[in-house]
Amino acid sequence: MNIIPVNPHADEIHGSKVYHDIKSLPDDVKGLIIMTGKDQTAGVIREAKGKGIKNIWVQQMAESKEALNELEGSGINYITKECILMHYKPHSIHKFHAAIRKFFRRFPR
């Protein structure tokens, strides 16, 4: 997975180019992980919809009612109320939590 950072206040992070907004991302970006304050999430989703992004992960604690309303019925594949650190290359306590959730079949598919 190639991760492309988006941050309006940075130009580079750890040697990687940073895009200042969603609309500036390359056209081949297919998914988005949103890690923002709840008050910003719905706006980011609207930008992603405008860009044609069809897969969105809203990091747990970043979701809001307005953000969920933007996602519902939009045709976007989305996950909310989950921690990306437990699903993408989990380590440490995240790996342990992932194993427990898989055992009890509470892991999103």
N, C-alpha and C. Protein backbone atom coordinates (compact mmCIF):
# COMPACT_ATOMS: atom_id res chain seq x y z
N MET A 1 0.85 -1.17 0.00
CA MET A 1 0.00 0.00 0.00
C MET A 1 0.90 1.23 0.00
N ASN A 2 0.61 2.13 -0.89
CA ASN A 2 1.33 3.40 -0.95
C ASN A 2 0.50 4.45 -0.22
N ILE A 3 1.08 5.06 0.79
CA ILE A 3 0.37 6.06 1.58
C ILE A 3 0.83 7.45 1.16
N ILE A 4 -0.13 8.30 0.84
CA ILE A 4 0.14 9.67 0.41
C ILE A 4 -0.44 10.61 1.45
N PRO A 5 0.40 11.37 2.16
CA PRO A 5 -0.13 12.25 3.20
C PRO A 5 -0.82 13.50 2.64
N VAL A 6 -1.87 13.91 3.36
CA VAL A 6 -2.59 15.16 3.06
C VAL A 6 -2.61 15.97 4.34
N ASN A 7 -2.10 17.19 4.27
CA ASN A 7 -2.08 18.07 5.43
C ASN A 7 -1.93 19.50 4.92
N PRO A 8 -2.87 20.37 5.24
CA PRO A 8 -2.80 21.74 4.72
C PRO A 8 -1.64 22.56 5.28
N HIS A 9 -0.97 22.04 6.32
CA HIS A 9 0.07 22.82 6.99
C HIS A 9 1.48 22.28 6.77
N ALA A 10 1.64 21.29 5.89
CA ALA A 10 2.97 20.70 5.67
C ALA A 10 3.23 20.54 4.17
N ASP A 11 4.49 20.57 3.81
CA ASP A 11 4.89 20.34 2.42
C ASP A 11 5.56 18.99 2.26
N GLU A 12 6.15 18.49 3.36
CA GLU A 12 6.87 17.23 3.32
C GLU A 12 6.82 16.58 4.69
N ILE A 13 6.65 15.26 4.72
CA ILE A 13 6.70 14.49 5.97
C ILE A 13 7.59 13.28 5.72
N HIS A 14 8.66 13.16 6.48
CA HIS A 14 9.61 12.05 6.35
C HIS A 14 10.03 11.83 4.90
N GLY A 15 10.28 12.90 4.18
CA GLY A 15 10.74 12.81 2.80
C GLY A 15 9.66 12.60 1.76
N SER A 16 8.41 12.48 2.19
CA SER A 16 7.30 12.29 1.25
C SER A 16 6.60 13.62 0.98
N LYS A 17 6.25 13.84 -0.27
CA LYS A 17 5.48 15.03 -0.64
C LYS A 17 4.13 14.99 0.07
N VAL A 18 3.70 16.12 0.57
CA VAL A 18 2.41 16.24 1.23
C VAL A 18 1.49 17.08 0.35
N TYR A 19 0.29 16.59 0.13
CA TYR A 19 -0.72 17.34 -0.62
C TYR A 19 -1.51 18.18 0.37
N HIS A 20 -1.87 19.38 -0.01
CA HIS A 20 -2.55 20.29 0.91
C HIS A 20 -4.05 20.04 1.00
N ASP A 21 -4.62 19.35 0.04
CA ASP A 21 -6.05 19.03 0.09
C ASP A 21 -6.34 17.82 -0.79
N ILE A 22 -7.52 17.27 -0.65
CA ILE A 22 -7.92 16.06 -1.37
C ILE A 22 -7.95 16.30 -2.88
N LYS A 23 -8.44 17.43 -3.30
CA LYS A 23 -8.58 17.67 -4.75
C LYS A 23 -7.23 17.71 -5.45
N SER A 24 -6.14 17.93 -4.73
CA SER A 24 -4.80 17.97 -5.32
C SER A 24 -4.17 16.58 -5.47
N LEU A 25 -4.79 15.56 -4.89
CA LEU A 25 -4.24 14.20 -4.97
C LEU A 25 -4.21 13.71 -6.42
N PRO A 26 -3.31 12.79 -6.73
CA PRO A 26 -3.31 12.19 -8.07
C PRO A 26 -4.65 11.52 -8.35
N ASP A 27 -5.03 11.46 -9.61
CA ASP A 27 -6.33 10.91 -9.99
C ASP A 27 -6.46 9.41 -9.74
N ASP A 28 -5.34 8.70 -9.59
CA ASP A 28 -5.42 7.25 -9.40
C ASP A 28 -5.59 6.83 -7.93
N VAL A 29 -5.74 7.78 -7.02
CA VAL A 29 -5.98 7.44 -5.61
C VAL A 29 -7.37 6.83 -5.49
N LYS A 30 -7.43 5.63 -4.89
CA LYS A 30 -8.69 4.90 -4.81
C LYS A 30 -9.29 4.86 -3.41
N GLY A 31 -8.47 5.16 -2.40
CA GLY A 31 -8.95 5.07 -1.04
C GLY A 31 -8.38 6.17 -0.16
N LEU A 32 -9.02 6.35 0.97
CA LEU A 32 -8.66 7.43 1.88
C LEU A 32 -8.83 6.95 3.31
N ILE A 33 -7.86 7.27 4.15
CA ILE A 33 -7.98 7.04 5.59
C ILE A 33 -8.08 8.43 6.20
N ILE A 34 -9.18 8.68 6.89
CA ILE A 34 -9.41 10.01 7.46
C ILE A 34 -9.10 9.98 8.95
N MET A 35 -8.13 10.80 9.35
CA MET A 35 -7.74 10.95 10.76
C MET A 35 -7.77 12.44 11.07
N THR A 36 -8.95 12.94 11.32
CA THR A 36 -9.12 14.37 11.59
C THR A 36 -9.99 14.54 12.83
N GLY A 37 -10.16 15.77 13.24
CA GLY A 37 -11.13 16.05 14.27
C GLY A 37 -12.53 15.84 13.71
N LYS A 38 -13.47 15.49 14.57
CA LYS A 38 -14.85 15.23 14.13
C LYS A 38 -15.43 16.39 13.33
N ASP A 39 -15.04 17.59 13.68
CA ASP A 39 -15.60 18.77 13.01
C ASP A 39 -15.09 18.94 11.58
N GLN A 40 -14.06 18.21 11.20
CA GLN A 40 -13.49 18.32 9.85
C GLN A 40 -13.85 17.15 8.95
N THR A 41 -14.27 16.05 9.51
CA THR A 41 -14.44 14.80 8.76
C THR A 41 -15.46 14.91 7.63
N ALA A 42 -16.61 15.48 7.88
CA ALA A 42 -17.64 15.58 6.83
C ALA A 42 -17.12 16.37 5.63
N GLY A 43 -16.38 17.43 5.87
CA GLY A 43 -15.81 18.22 4.78
C GLY A 43 -14.81 17.42 3.96
N VAL A 44 -14.00 16.62 4.64
CA VAL A 44 -13.04 15.77 3.94
C VAL A 44 -13.78 14.74 3.08
N ILE A 45 -14.86 14.19 3.61
CA ILE A 45 -15.65 13.22 2.85
C ILE A 45 -16.25 13.89 1.61
N ARG A 46 -16.75 15.10 1.76
CA ARG A 46 -17.29 15.82 0.60
C ARG A 46 -16.21 16.03 -0.47
N GLU A 47 -15.01 16.39 -0.04
CA GLU A 47 -13.90 16.55 -0.99
C GLU A 47 -13.60 15.23 -1.69
N ALA A 48 -13.59 14.14 -0.92
CA ALA A 48 -13.31 12.81 -1.49
C ALA A 48 -14.37 12.42 -2.50
N LYS A 49 -15.62 12.71 -2.19
CA LYS A 49 -16.71 12.42 -3.13
C LYS A 49 -16.51 13.21 -4.42
N GLY A 50 -16.12 14.46 -4.31
CA GLY A 50 -15.87 15.29 -5.48
C GLY A 50 -14.71 14.79 -6.32
N LYS A 51 -13.77 14.12 -5.67
CA LYS A 51 -12.59 13.57 -6.35
C LYS A 51 -12.89 12.19 -6.94
N GLY A 52 -14.03 11.60 -6.55
CA GLY A 52 -14.39 10.27 -7.06
C GLY A 52 -13.79 9.12 -6.28
N ILE A 53 -13.31 9.38 -5.06
CA ILE A 53 -12.74 8.34 -4.22
C ILE A 53 -13.87 7.48 -3.68
N LYS A 54 -13.76 6.16 -3.84
CA LYS A 54 -14.86 5.25 -3.52
C LYS A 54 -14.63 4.38 -2.29
N ASN A 55 -13.48 4.49 -1.64
CA ASN A 55 -13.18 3.68 -0.46
C ASN A 55 -12.64 4.60 0.63
N ILE A 56 -13.36 4.65 1.74
CA ILE A 56 -12.98 5.56 2.83
C ILE A 56 -13.00 4.83 4.16
N TRP A 57 -11.92 5.00 4.90
CA TRP A 57 -11.83 4.52 6.28
C TRP A 57 -11.83 5.75 7.16
N VAL A 58 -12.81 5.87 8.03
CA VAL A 58 -12.86 6.97 8.98
C VAL A 58 -12.34 6.42 10.30
N GLN A 59 -11.16 6.88 10.71
CA GLN A 59 -10.54 6.39 11.94
C GLN A 59 -11.49 6.58 13.12
N GLN A 60 -11.50 5.59 14.01
CA GLN A 60 -12.38 5.69 15.17
C GLN A 60 -12.16 7.02 15.88
N MET A 61 -13.21 7.57 16.37
CA MET A 61 -13.25 8.85 17.07
C MET A 61 -13.22 10.06 16.12
N ALA A 62 -13.13 9.81 14.81
CA ALA A 62 -13.17 10.92 13.85
C ALA A 62 -14.55 11.06 13.23
N GLU A 63 -15.43 10.09 13.49
CA GLU A 63 -16.75 10.13 12.86
C GLU A 63 -17.69 11.10 13.60
N SER A 64 -18.60 11.64 12.84
CA SER A 64 -19.65 12.50 13.39
C SER A 64 -20.94 12.15 12.68
N LYS A 65 -22.04 12.61 13.21
CA LYS A 65 -23.33 12.34 12.57
C LYS A 65 -23.35 12.91 11.15
N GLU A 66 -22.82 14.11 10.99
CA GLU A 66 -22.77 14.74 9.67
C GLU A 66 -21.91 13.90 8.70
N ALA A 67 -20.78 13.40 9.20
CA ALA A 67 -19.90 12.57 8.35
C ALA A 67 -20.61 11.29 7.94
N LEU A 68 -21.28 10.64 8.88
CA LEU A 68 -22.01 9.41 8.56
C LEU A 68 -23.13 9.68 7.56
N ASN A 69 -23.79 10.81 7.69
CA ASN A 69 -24.84 11.18 6.72
C ASN A 69 -24.25 11.36 5.32
N GLU A 70 -23.04 11.90 5.24
CA GLU A 70 -22.37 12.06 3.94
C GLU A 70 -22.08 10.70 3.30
N LEU A 71 -21.76 9.71 4.13
CA LEU A 71 -21.39 8.39 3.62
C LEU A 71 -22.59 7.53 3.24
N GLU A 72 -23.63 7.57 4.07
CA GLU A 72 -24.79 6.70 3.86
C GLU A 72 -25.45 7.00 2.52
N GLY A 73 -25.63 5.95 1.74
CA GLY A 73 -26.30 6.08 0.45
C GLY A 73 -25.46 6.74 -0.63
N SER A 74 -24.18 6.95 -0.37
CA SER A 74 -23.31 7.66 -1.32
C SER A 74 -22.69 6.75 -2.37
N GLY A 75 -22.77 5.44 -2.15
CA GLY A 75 -22.10 4.50 -3.05
C GLY A 75 -20.64 4.29 -2.69
N ILE A 76 -20.19 4.94 -1.62
CA ILE A 76 -18.80 4.79 -1.16
C ILE A 76 -18.73 3.59 -0.22
N ASN A 77 -17.70 2.76 -0.39
CA ASN A 77 -17.41 1.69 0.56
C ASN A 77 -16.72 2.35 1.75
N TYR A 78 -17.22 2.12 2.94
CA TYR A 78 -16.61 2.80 4.08
C TYR A 78 -16.60 1.94 5.33
N ILE A 79 -15.64 2.25 6.19
CA ILE A 79 -15.52 1.63 7.51
C ILE A 79 -15.41 2.76 8.51
N THR A 80 -16.15 2.64 9.61
CA THR A 80 -16.07 3.61 10.70
C THR A 80 -15.93 2.86 12.01
N LYS A 81 -15.60 3.59 13.05
CA LYS A 81 -15.52 3.06 14.41
C LYS A 81 -14.51 1.92 14.56
N GLU A 82 -13.49 1.94 13.73
CA GLU A 82 -12.41 0.95 13.79
C GLU A 82 -11.07 1.68 13.75
N CYS A 83 -10.07 1.06 14.36
CA CYS A 83 -8.72 1.63 14.37
C CYS A 83 -7.89 1.01 13.25
N ILE A 84 -7.40 1.82 12.35
CA ILE A 84 -6.59 1.34 11.23
C ILE A 84 -5.34 0.61 11.73
N LEU A 85 -4.83 0.98 12.90
CA LEU A 85 -3.62 0.36 13.43
C LEU A 85 -3.83 -1.11 13.80
N MET A 86 -5.07 -1.51 14.00
CA MET A 86 -5.36 -2.91 14.30
C MET A 86 -5.49 -3.73 13.02
N HIS A 87 -5.69 -3.08 11.91
CA HIS A 87 -5.96 -3.80 10.67
C HIS A 87 -4.81 -3.76 9.67
N TYR A 88 -4.07 -2.69 9.62
CA TYR A 88 -2.96 -2.58 8.68
C TYR A 88 -1.65 -2.83 9.41
N LYS A 89 -1.06 -3.97 9.18
CA LYS A 89 0.19 -4.38 9.82
C LYS A 89 0.14 -4.18 11.34
N PRO A 90 -0.77 -4.84 12.02
CA PRO A 90 -0.88 -4.64 13.47
C PRO A 90 0.38 -5.13 14.20
N HIS A 91 0.70 -4.44 15.27
CA HIS A 91 1.81 -4.85 16.12
C HIS A 91 1.43 -4.52 17.56
N SER A 92 2.17 -5.08 18.49
CA SER A 92 1.99 -4.80 19.91
C SER A 92 0.54 -5.07 20.34
N ILE A 93 -0.04 -4.17 21.07
CA ILE A 93 -1.39 -4.36 21.61
C ILE A 93 -2.43 -4.43 20.50
N HIS A 94 -2.18 -3.76 19.38
CA HIS A 94 -3.12 -3.82 18.26
C HIS A 94 -3.19 -5.22 17.68
N LYS A 95 -2.07 -5.92 17.65
CA LYS A 95 -2.04 -7.30 17.14
C LYS A 95 -2.85 -8.21 18.06
N PHE A 96 -2.69 -8.01 19.35
CA PHE A 96 -3.44 -8.79 20.34
C PHE A 96 -4.94 -8.54 20.19
N HIS A 97 -5.34 -7.29 20.10
CA HIS A 97 -6.77 -6.97 19.93
C HIS A 97 -7.33 -7.56 18.64
N ALA A 98 -6.56 -7.50 17.57
CA ALA A 98 -7.01 -8.07 16.30
C ALA A 98 -7.25 -9.57 16.43
N ALA A 99 -6.34 -10.28 17.10
CA ALA A 99 -6.49 -11.73 17.29
C ALA A 99 -7.76 -12.05 18.08
N ILE A 100 -8.01 -11.30 19.13
CA ILE A 100 -9.22 -11.52 19.95
C ILE A 100 -10.47 -11.29 19.11
N ARG A 101 -10.50 -10.21 18.37
CA ARG A 101 -11.69 -9.90 17.56
C ARG A 101 -11.90 -10.92 16.46
N LYS A 102 -10.82 -11.42 15.87
CA LYS A 102 -10.96 -12.46 14.85
C LYS A 102 -11.52 -13.73 15.48
N PHE A 103 -11.02 -14.08 16.65
CA PHE A 103 -11.49 -15.28 17.33
C PHE A 103 -12.99 -15.21 17.59
N PHE A 104 -13.47 -14.07 18.02
CA PHE A 104 -14.90 -13.90 18.31
C PHE A 104 -15.71 -13.44 17.10
N ARG A 105 -15.08 -13.47 15.93
CA ARG A 105 -15.73 -13.09 14.67
C ARG A 105 -16.34 -11.69 14.71
N ARG A 106 -15.59 -10.78 15.29
CA ARG A 106 -16.04 -9.39 15.38
C ARG A 106 -15.14 -8.47 14.57
N PHE A 107 -14.41 -9.07 13.64
CA PHE A 107 -13.49 -8.34 12.78
C PHE A 107 -14.23 -7.95 11.51
N PRO A 108 -14.19 -6.69 11.08
CA PRO A 108 -14.91 -6.32 9.85
C PRO A 108 -14.36 -7.06 8.63
N ARG A 109 -15.25 -7.35 7.69
CA ARG A 109 -14.82 -8.06 6.47
C ARG A 109 -14.89 -7.16 5.29
